[in-house]
Amino acid sequence: MTQAFVQPVTLVENGVQLEPLGLEHEEGLKAAAADGELWTLRVTSVPEPEQTRTYIETALKMRAEGSRFAFVVRDLASGRILGTTSYHDILPAVQRVEIGYTWYAQSVQRTHVNTTCKLLMLRHAFETLGCRVVGWRTDNFNFASQRAIERLGAKKDGVIRGQALRRDGTIRDTVMYSMAAGEWPEAKAQLLYLLNRPR
């Protein structure tokens, strides 16, 4: 059996910890999703409370297949689970991963949490995994997500029309972004600047 491209790892920075998602995180994820009733948003993949266990089991199955590695996002001071994020569409042959399946409790949106998680995941992808490219994809109507991805310094690759189903049964266009390894040093400097500037 070949070794998985993304190995289990815990990443910590700025009071935020990313740890491998497991069934033991079910109640914490339910609570995070309930903070803002995130499952009601048509442009996200947040599970409804009774679907949380299935959501985790699906992520673990994808991890076993080598296509996705999911983390929970934990606040170190309180121990509270704030949300989740994943590497997905993992392509070892071309040294590419995408970052997605990302959502956070409403109370920590627009705080340092997302910036910290992106710093951790991008640094691990480029500096440990040796990725050449990191990608993102988002719903064409998820403008907040598009702005957040663009703030990282990612480049818009284009739009794939009619690419996926939304939870309400409508078909979405998917906006694709990427960052190449050569763009990472500048993006890293910007992320560190955003995290360290006075608020």
C-alpha atoms as a PDB file:
ATOM      1  CA  MET A   1       0.000   0.000   0.000  1.00  0.00           C
ATOM      2  CA  THR A   2       1.404   3.389  -0.971  1.00  0.00           C
ATOM      3  CA  GLN A   3       1.682   6.087   1.638  1.00  0.00           C
ATOM      4  CA  ALA A   4      -1.002   8.772   1.490  1.00  0.00           C
ATOM      5  CA  PHE A   5       0.154  12.131   0.093  1.00  0.00           C
ATOM      6  CA  VAL A   6      -1.400  13.972   3.068  1.00  0.00           C
ATOM      7  CA  GLN A   7      -0.374  12.334   6.346  1.00  0.00           C
ATOM      8  CA  PRO A   8      -2.199  12.931   9.663  1.00  0.00           C
ATOM      9  CA  VAL A   9      -0.868  16.124  11.204  1.00  0.00           C
ATOM     10  CA  THR A  10      -1.955  18.737  13.741  1.00  0.00           C
ATOM     11  CA  LEU A  11      -1.221  22.352  12.792  1.00  0.00           C
ATOM     12  CA  VAL A  12      -1.201  25.199  15.333  1.00  0.00           C
ATOM     13  CA  GLU A  13      -0.860  28.980  15.011  1.00  0.00           C
ATOM     14  CA  ASN A  14      -2.285  32.055  16.697  1.00  0.00           C
ATOM     15  CA  GLY A  15      -4.489  30.138  19.171  1.00  0.00           C
ATOM     16  CA  VAL A  16      -6.079  28.052  16.405  1.00  0.00           C
ATOM     17  CA  GLN A  17      -5.515  24.307  15.974  1.00  0.00           C
ATOM     18  CA  LEU A  18      -6.275  22.150  12.945  1.00  0.00           C
ATOM     19  CA  GLU A  19      -6.570  18.488  13.892  1.00  0.00           C
ATOM     20  CA  PRO A  20      -7.660  15.461  11.821  1.00  0.00           C
ATOM     21  CA  LEU A  21     -11.458  15.153  11.746  1.00  0.00           C
ATOM     22  CA  GLY A  22     -12.885  12.113  13.546  1.00  0.00           C
ATOM     23  CA  LEU A  23     -16.200  10.780  14.821  1.00  0.00           C
ATOM     24  CA  GLU A  24     -15.364  12.172  18.259  1.00  0.00           C
ATOM     25  CA  HIS A  25     -15.899  15.669  16.851  1.00  0.00           C
ATOM     26  CA  GLU A  26     -19.586  15.134  16.020  1.00  0.00           C
ATOM     27  CA  GLU A  27     -21.092  17.160  18.871  1.00  0.00           C
ATOM     28  CA  GLY A  28     -18.582  19.983  18.482  1.00  0.00           C
ATOM     29  CA  LEU A  29     -19.301  20.264  14.758  1.00  0.00           C
ATOM     30  CA  LYS A  30     -23.059  20.244  15.398  1.00  0.00           C
ATOM     31  CA  ALA A  31     -22.631  23.143  17.813  1.00  0.00           C
ATOM     32  CA  ALA A  32     -20.473  25.078  15.337  1.00  0.00           C
ATOM     33  CA  ALA A  33     -23.030  24.648  12.545  1.00  0.00           C
ATOM     34  CA  ALA A  34     -25.879  25.654  14.897  1.00  0.00           C
ATOM     35  CA  ASP A  35     -24.070  28.972  15.503  1.00  0.00           C
ATOM     36  CA  GLY A  36     -25.832  30.806  12.670  1.00  0.00           C
ATOM     37  CA  GLU A  37     -27.851  27.796  11.394  1.00  0.00           C
ATOM     38  CA  LEU A  38     -25.297  27.488   8.603  1.00  0.00           C
ATOM     39  CA  TRP A  39     -27.065  24.568   6.922  1.00  0.00           C
ATOM     40  CA  THR A  40     -29.752  27.016   5.718  1.00  0.00           C
ATOM     41  CA  LEU A  41     -27.274  28.710   3.331  1.00  0.00           C
ATOM     42  CA  ARG A  42     -27.852  27.381  -0.187  1.00  0.00           C
ATOM     43  CA  VAL A  43     -24.269  28.004  -1.348  1.00  0.00           C
ATOM     44  CA  THR A  44     -22.489  25.942   1.340  1.00  0.00           C
ATOM     45  CA  SER A  45     -22.066  22.259   2.213  1.00  0.00           C
ATOM     46  CA  VAL A  46     -22.687  22.596   5.974  1.00  0.00           C
ATOM     47  CA  PRO A  47     -24.513  19.500   7.302  1.00  0.00           C
ATOM     48  CA  GLU A  48     -27.883  19.707   9.033  1.00  0.00           C
ATOM     49  CA  PRO A  49     -27.569  18.563  12.685  1.00  0.00           C
ATOM     50  CA  GLU A  50     -28.895  15.048  12.060  1.00  0.00           C
ATOM     51  CA  GLN A  51     -26.541  14.675   9.076  1.00  0.00           C
ATOM     52  CA  THR A  52     -23.338  15.538  10.972  1.00  0.00           C
ATOM     53  CA  ARG A  53     -22.263  11.935  11.615  1.00  0.00           C
ATOM     54  CA  THR A  54     -22.813  11.007   7.955  1.00  0.00           C
ATOM     55  CA  TYR A  55     -20.849  14.123   6.945  1.00  0.00           C
ATOM     56  CA  ILE A  56     -17.891  12.947   9.078  1.00  0.00           C
ATOM     57  CA  GLU A  57     -18.162   9.350   7.854  1.00  0.00           C
ATOM     58  CA  THR A  58     -18.113  10.562   4.230  1.00  0.00           C
ATOM     59  CA  ALA A  59     -15.001  12.658   4.931  1.00  0.00           C
ATOM     60  CA  LEU A  60     -13.279   9.648   6.543  1.00  0.00           C
ATOM     61  CA  LYS A  61     -14.176   7.430   3.570  1.00  0.00           C
ATOM     62  CA  MET A  62     -12.700  10.026   1.189  1.00  0.00           C
ATOM     63  CA  ARG A  63      -9.582  10.159   3.383  1.00  0.00           C
ATOM     64  CA  ALA A  64      -9.221   6.356   3.131  1.00  0.00           C
ATOM     65  CA  GLU A  65      -9.503   6.686  -0.662  1.00  0.00           C
ATOM     66  CA  GLY A  66      -6.834   9.418  -0.683  1.00  0.00           C
ATOM     67  CA  SER A  67      -9.013  12.135  -2.229  1.00  0.00           C
ATOM     68  CA  ARG A  68      -9.703  14.313   0.837  1.00  0.00           C
ATOM     69  CA  PHE A  69      -8.160  15.032   4.239  1.00  0.00           C
ATOM     70  CA  ALA A  70     -10.525  16.852   6.625  1.00  0.00           C
ATOM     71  CA  PHE A  71      -9.582  18.850   9.723  1.00  0.00           C
ATOM     72  CA  VAL A  72     -11.620  20.323  12.538  1.00  0.00           C
ATOM     73  CA  VAL A  73     -10.788  23.866  13.564  1.00  0.00           C
ATOM     74  CA  ARG A  74     -10.396  24.264  17.339  1.00  0.00           C
ATOM     75  CA  ASP A  75      -9.980  27.344  19.513  1.00  0.00           C
ATOM     76  CA  LEU A  76      -7.117  26.381  21.816  1.00  0.00           C
ATOM     77  CA  ALA A  77      -8.085  28.698  24.687  1.00  0.00           C
ATOM     78  CA  SER A  78     -11.635  27.335  25.087  1.00  0.00           C
ATOM     79  CA  GLY A  79     -11.297  23.952  23.385  1.00  0.00           C
ATOM     80  CA  ARG A  80     -14.378  24.821  21.314  1.00  0.00           C
ATOM     81  CA  ILE A  81     -14.690  23.481  17.763  1.00  0.00           C
ATOM     82  CA  LEU A  82     -15.175  26.388  15.376  1.00  0.00           C
ATOM     83  CA  GLY A  83     -15.710  24.567  12.067  1.00  0.00           C
ATOM     84  CA  THR A  84     -13.921  22.424   9.536  1.00  0.00           C
ATOM     85  CA  THR A  85     -11.734  22.628   6.434  1.00  0.00           C
ATOM     86  CA  SER A  86     -10.160  20.075   4.091  1.00  0.00           C
ATOM     87  CA  TYR A  87      -7.560  19.332   1.512  1.00  0.00           C
ATOM     88  CA  HIS A  88      -9.472  17.710  -1.351  1.00  0.00           C
ATOM     89  CA  ASP A  89      -9.050  16.665  -4.963  1.00  0.00           C
ATOM     90  CA  ILE A  90      -5.590  15.543  -3.861  1.00  0.00           C
ATOM     91  CA  LEU A  91      -3.449  14.766  -6.928  1.00  0.00           C
ATOM     92  CA  PRO A  92      -0.041  13.418  -5.829  1.00  0.00           C
ATOM     93  CA  ALA A  93       1.201  12.859  -9.403  1.00  0.00           C
ATOM     94  CA  VAL A  94       1.048  16.597 -10.145  1.00  0.00           C
ATOM     95  CA  GLN A  95       1.633  17.738  -6.531  1.00  0.00           C
ATOM     96  CA  ARG A  96      -1.688  19.578  -6.312  1.00  0.00           C
ATOM     97  CA  VAL A  97      -4.326  19.864  -3.600  1.00  0.00           C
ATOM     98  CA  GLU A  98      -7.394  22.027  -3.264  1.00  0.00           C
ATOM     99  CA  ILE A  99      -8.622  23.656  -0.057  1.00  0.00           C
ATOM    100  CA  GLY A 100     -12.342  23.518   0.552  1.00  0.00           C
ATOM    101  CA  TYR A 101     -15.270  22.053   2.478  1.00  0.00           C
ATOM    102  CA  THR A 102     -14.541  25.049   4.705  1.00  0.00           C
ATOM    103  CA  TRP A 103     -17.065  26.560   7.094  1.00  0.00           C
ATOM    104  CA  TYR A 104     -16.965  28.256  10.482  1.00  0.00           C
ATOM    105  CA  ALA A 105     -19.435  29.108  13.237  1.00  0.00           C
ATOM    106  CA  GLN A 106     -21.040  32.457  12.443  1.00  0.00           C
ATOM    107  CA  SER A 107     -19.562  34.037  15.595  1.00  0.00           C
ATOM    108  CA  VAL A 108     -15.976  33.558  14.327  1.00  0.00           C
ATOM    109  CA  GLN A 109     -16.558  34.548  10.707  1.00  0.00           C
ATOM    110  CA  ARG A 110     -14.672  37.715   9.719  1.00  0.00           C
ATOM    111  CA  THR A 111     -12.148  37.164  12.555  1.00  0.00           C
ATOM    112  CA  HIS A 112      -8.528  35.930  12.489  1.00  0.00           C
ATOM    113  CA  VAL A 113      -9.701  32.310  12.284  1.00  0.00           C
ATOM    114  CA  ASN A 114     -10.005  31.883   8.506  1.00  0.00           C
ATOM    115  CA  THR A 115      -6.786  33.810   7.820  1.00  0.00           C
ATOM    116  CA  THR A 116      -4.956  31.615  10.354  1.00  0.00           C
ATOM    117  CA  CYS A 117      -6.356  28.399   8.872  1.00  0.00           C
ATOM    118  CA  LYS A 118      -5.345  29.438   5.360  1.00  0.00           C
ATOM    119  CA  LEU A 119      -1.826  30.283   6.565  1.00  0.00           C
ATOM    120  CA  LEU A 120      -1.546  26.855   8.222  1.00  0.00           C
ATOM    121  CA  MET A 121      -2.905  24.923   5.247  1.00  0.00           C
ATOM    122  CA  LEU A 122      -0.993  26.808   2.572  1.00  0.00           C
ATOM    123  CA  ARG A 123       2.269  26.643   4.528  1.00  0.00           C
ATOM    124  CA  HIS A 124       1.833  22.883   5.030  1.00  0.00           C
ATOM    125  CA  ALA A 125       0.880  22.347   1.368  1.00  0.00           C
ATOM    126  CA  PHE A 126       3.763  24.316  -0.115  1.00  0.00           C
ATOM    127  CA  GLU A 127       6.514  23.872   2.498  1.00  0.00           C
ATOM    128  CA  THR A 128       5.881  20.311   3.764  1.00  0.00           C
ATOM    129  CA  LEU A 129       3.937  18.501   1.040  1.00  0.00           C
ATOM    130  CA  GLY A 130       5.888  20.239  -1.734  1.00  0.00           C
ATOM    131  CA  CYS A 131       2.792  21.181  -3.720  1.00  0.00           C
ATOM    132  CA  ARG A 132       3.267  23.006  -7.000  1.00  0.00           C
ATOM    133  CA  VAL A 133      -0.296  24.344  -6.996  1.00  0.00           C
ATOM    134  CA  VAL A 134      -3.082  24.813  -4.442  1.00  0.00           C
ATOM    135  CA  GLY A 135      -6.597  25.308  -5.764  1.00  0.00           C
ATOM    136  CA  TRP A 136     -10.008  26.467  -4.550  1.00  0.00           C
ATOM    137  CA  ARG A 137     -13.497  26.201  -5.983  1.00  0.00           C
ATOM    138  CA  THR A 138     -16.630  28.014  -4.927  1.00  0.00           C
ATOM    139  CA  ASP A 139     -20.221  28.648  -5.949  1.00  0.00           C
ATOM    140  CA  ASN A 140     -20.649  31.449  -8.478  1.00  0.00           C
ATOM    141  CA  PHE A 141     -23.136  33.075  -6.076  1.00  0.00           C
ATOM    142  CA  ASN A 142     -20.901  32.738  -3.001  1.00  0.00           C
ATOM    143  CA  PHE A 143     -19.410  36.215  -3.353  1.00  0.00           C
ATOM    144  CA  ALA A 144     -18.051  36.289   0.220  1.00  0.00           C
ATOM    145  CA  SER A 145     -16.041  33.136  -0.475  1.00  0.00           C
ATOM    146  CA  GLN A 146     -14.757  34.540  -3.775  1.00  0.00           C
ATOM    147  CA  ARG A 147     -13.578  37.731  -2.038  1.00  0.00           C
ATOM    148  CA  ALA A 148     -11.896  35.720   0.731  1.00  0.00           C
ATOM    149  CA  ILE A 149     -10.037  33.545  -1.807  1.00  0.00           C
ATOM    150  CA  GLU A 150      -8.941  36.572  -3.817  1.00  0.00           C
ATOM    151  CA  ARG A 151      -7.670  38.283  -0.636  1.00  0.00           C
ATOM    152  CA  LEU A 152      -5.263  35.356  -0.208  1.00  0.00           C
ATOM    153  CA  GLY A 153      -3.609  36.253  -3.507  1.00  0.00           C
ATOM    154  CA  ALA A 154      -5.107  33.364  -5.482  1.00  0.00           C
ATOM    155  CA  LYS A 155      -5.689  33.830  -9.205  1.00  0.00           C
ATOM    156  CA  LYS A 156      -9.048  33.176 -10.850  1.00  0.00           C
ATOM    157  CA  ASP A 157      -8.653  30.332 -13.355  1.00  0.00           C
ATOM    158  CA  GLY A 158     -12.170  30.521 -14.740  1.00  0.00           C
ATOM    159  CA  VAL A 159     -15.731  29.265 -14.330  1.00  0.00           C
ATOM    160  CA  ILE A 160     -16.947  25.710 -14.966  1.00  0.00           C
ATOM    161  CA  ARG A 161     -20.575  26.028 -15.974  1.00  0.00           C
ATOM    162  CA  GLY A 162     -23.183  23.579 -14.717  1.00  0.00           C
ATOM    163  CA  GLN A 163     -20.603  21.786 -12.576  1.00  0.00           C
ATOM    164  CA  ALA A 164     -22.375  20.727  -9.350  1.00  0.00           C
ATOM    165  CA  LEU A 165     -25.683  20.411  -7.539  1.00  0.00           C
ATOM    166  CA  ARG A 166     -26.589  22.743  -4.696  1.00  0.00           C
ATOM    167  CA  ARG A 167     -28.444  21.439  -1.659  1.00  0.00           C
ATOM    168  CA  ASP A 168     -31.699  22.936  -3.032  1.00  0.00           C
ATOM    169  CA  GLY A 169     -31.402  20.926  -6.250  1.00  0.00           C
ATOM    170  CA  THR A 170     -30.347  23.834  -8.475  1.00  0.00           C
ATOM    171  CA  ILE A 171     -27.223  23.443 -10.597  1.00  0.00           C
ATOM    172  CA  ARG A 172     -24.329  25.756  -9.866  1.00  0.00           C
ATOM    173  CA  ASP A 173     -21.504  27.201 -11.883  1.00  0.00           C
ATOM    174  CA  THR A 174     -18.184  26.732 -10.072  1.00  0.00           C
ATOM    175  CA  VAL A 175     -15.529  29.455  -9.887  1.00  0.00           C
ATOM    176  CA  MET A 176     -11.996  27.988  -9.878  1.00  0.00           C
ATOM    177  CA  TYR A 177      -8.931  29.645  -8.323  1.00  0.00           C
ATOM    178  CA  SER A 178      -5.318  28.608  -7.813  1.00  0.00           C
ATOM    179  CA  MET A 179      -2.007  29.675  -6.315  1.00  0.00           C
ATOM    180  CA  ALA A 180       1.324  28.439  -7.670  1.00  0.00           C
ATOM    181  CA  ALA A 181       4.315  27.660  -5.463  1.00  0.00           C
ATOM    182  CA  GLY A 182       6.158  30.716  -6.785  1.00  0.00           C
ATOM    183  CA  GLU A 183       3.333  32.961  -5.565  1.00  0.00           C
ATOM    184  CA  TRP A 184       3.382  31.554  -2.046  1.00  0.00           C
ATOM    185  CA  PRO A 185       6.158  33.727  -0.517  1.00  0.00           C
ATOM    186  CA  GLU A 186       4.278  36.948  -1.319  1.00  0.00           C
ATOM    187  CA  ALA A 187       0.933  35.461  -0.210  1.00  0.00           C
ATOM    188  CA  LYS A 188       2.538  34.240   3.031  1.00  0.00           C
ATOM    189  CA  ALA A 189       3.945  37.705   3.753  1.00  0.00           C
ATOM    190  CA  GLN A 190       0.476  39.191   3.212  1.00  0.00           C
ATOM    191  CA  LEU A 191      -1.232  36.635   5.485  1.00  0.00           C
ATOM    192  CA  LEU A 192       1.320  37.281   8.247  1.00  0.00           C
ATOM    193  CA  TYR A 193       0.822  41.031   7.813  1.00  0.00           C
ATOM    194  CA  LEU A 194      -2.962  40.664   8.126  1.00  0.00           C
ATOM    195  CA  LEU A 195      -2.611  38.521  11.259  1.00  0.00           C
ATOM    196  CA  ASN A 196      -0.058  40.743  12.971  1.00  0.00           C
ATOM    197  CA  ARG A 197      -1.424  44.205  12.222  1.00  0.00           C
ATOM    198  CA  PRO A 198      -3.174  46.044  15.084  1.00  0.00           C
ATOM    199  CA  ARG A 199      -6.959  45.543  15.053  1.00  0.00           C
END
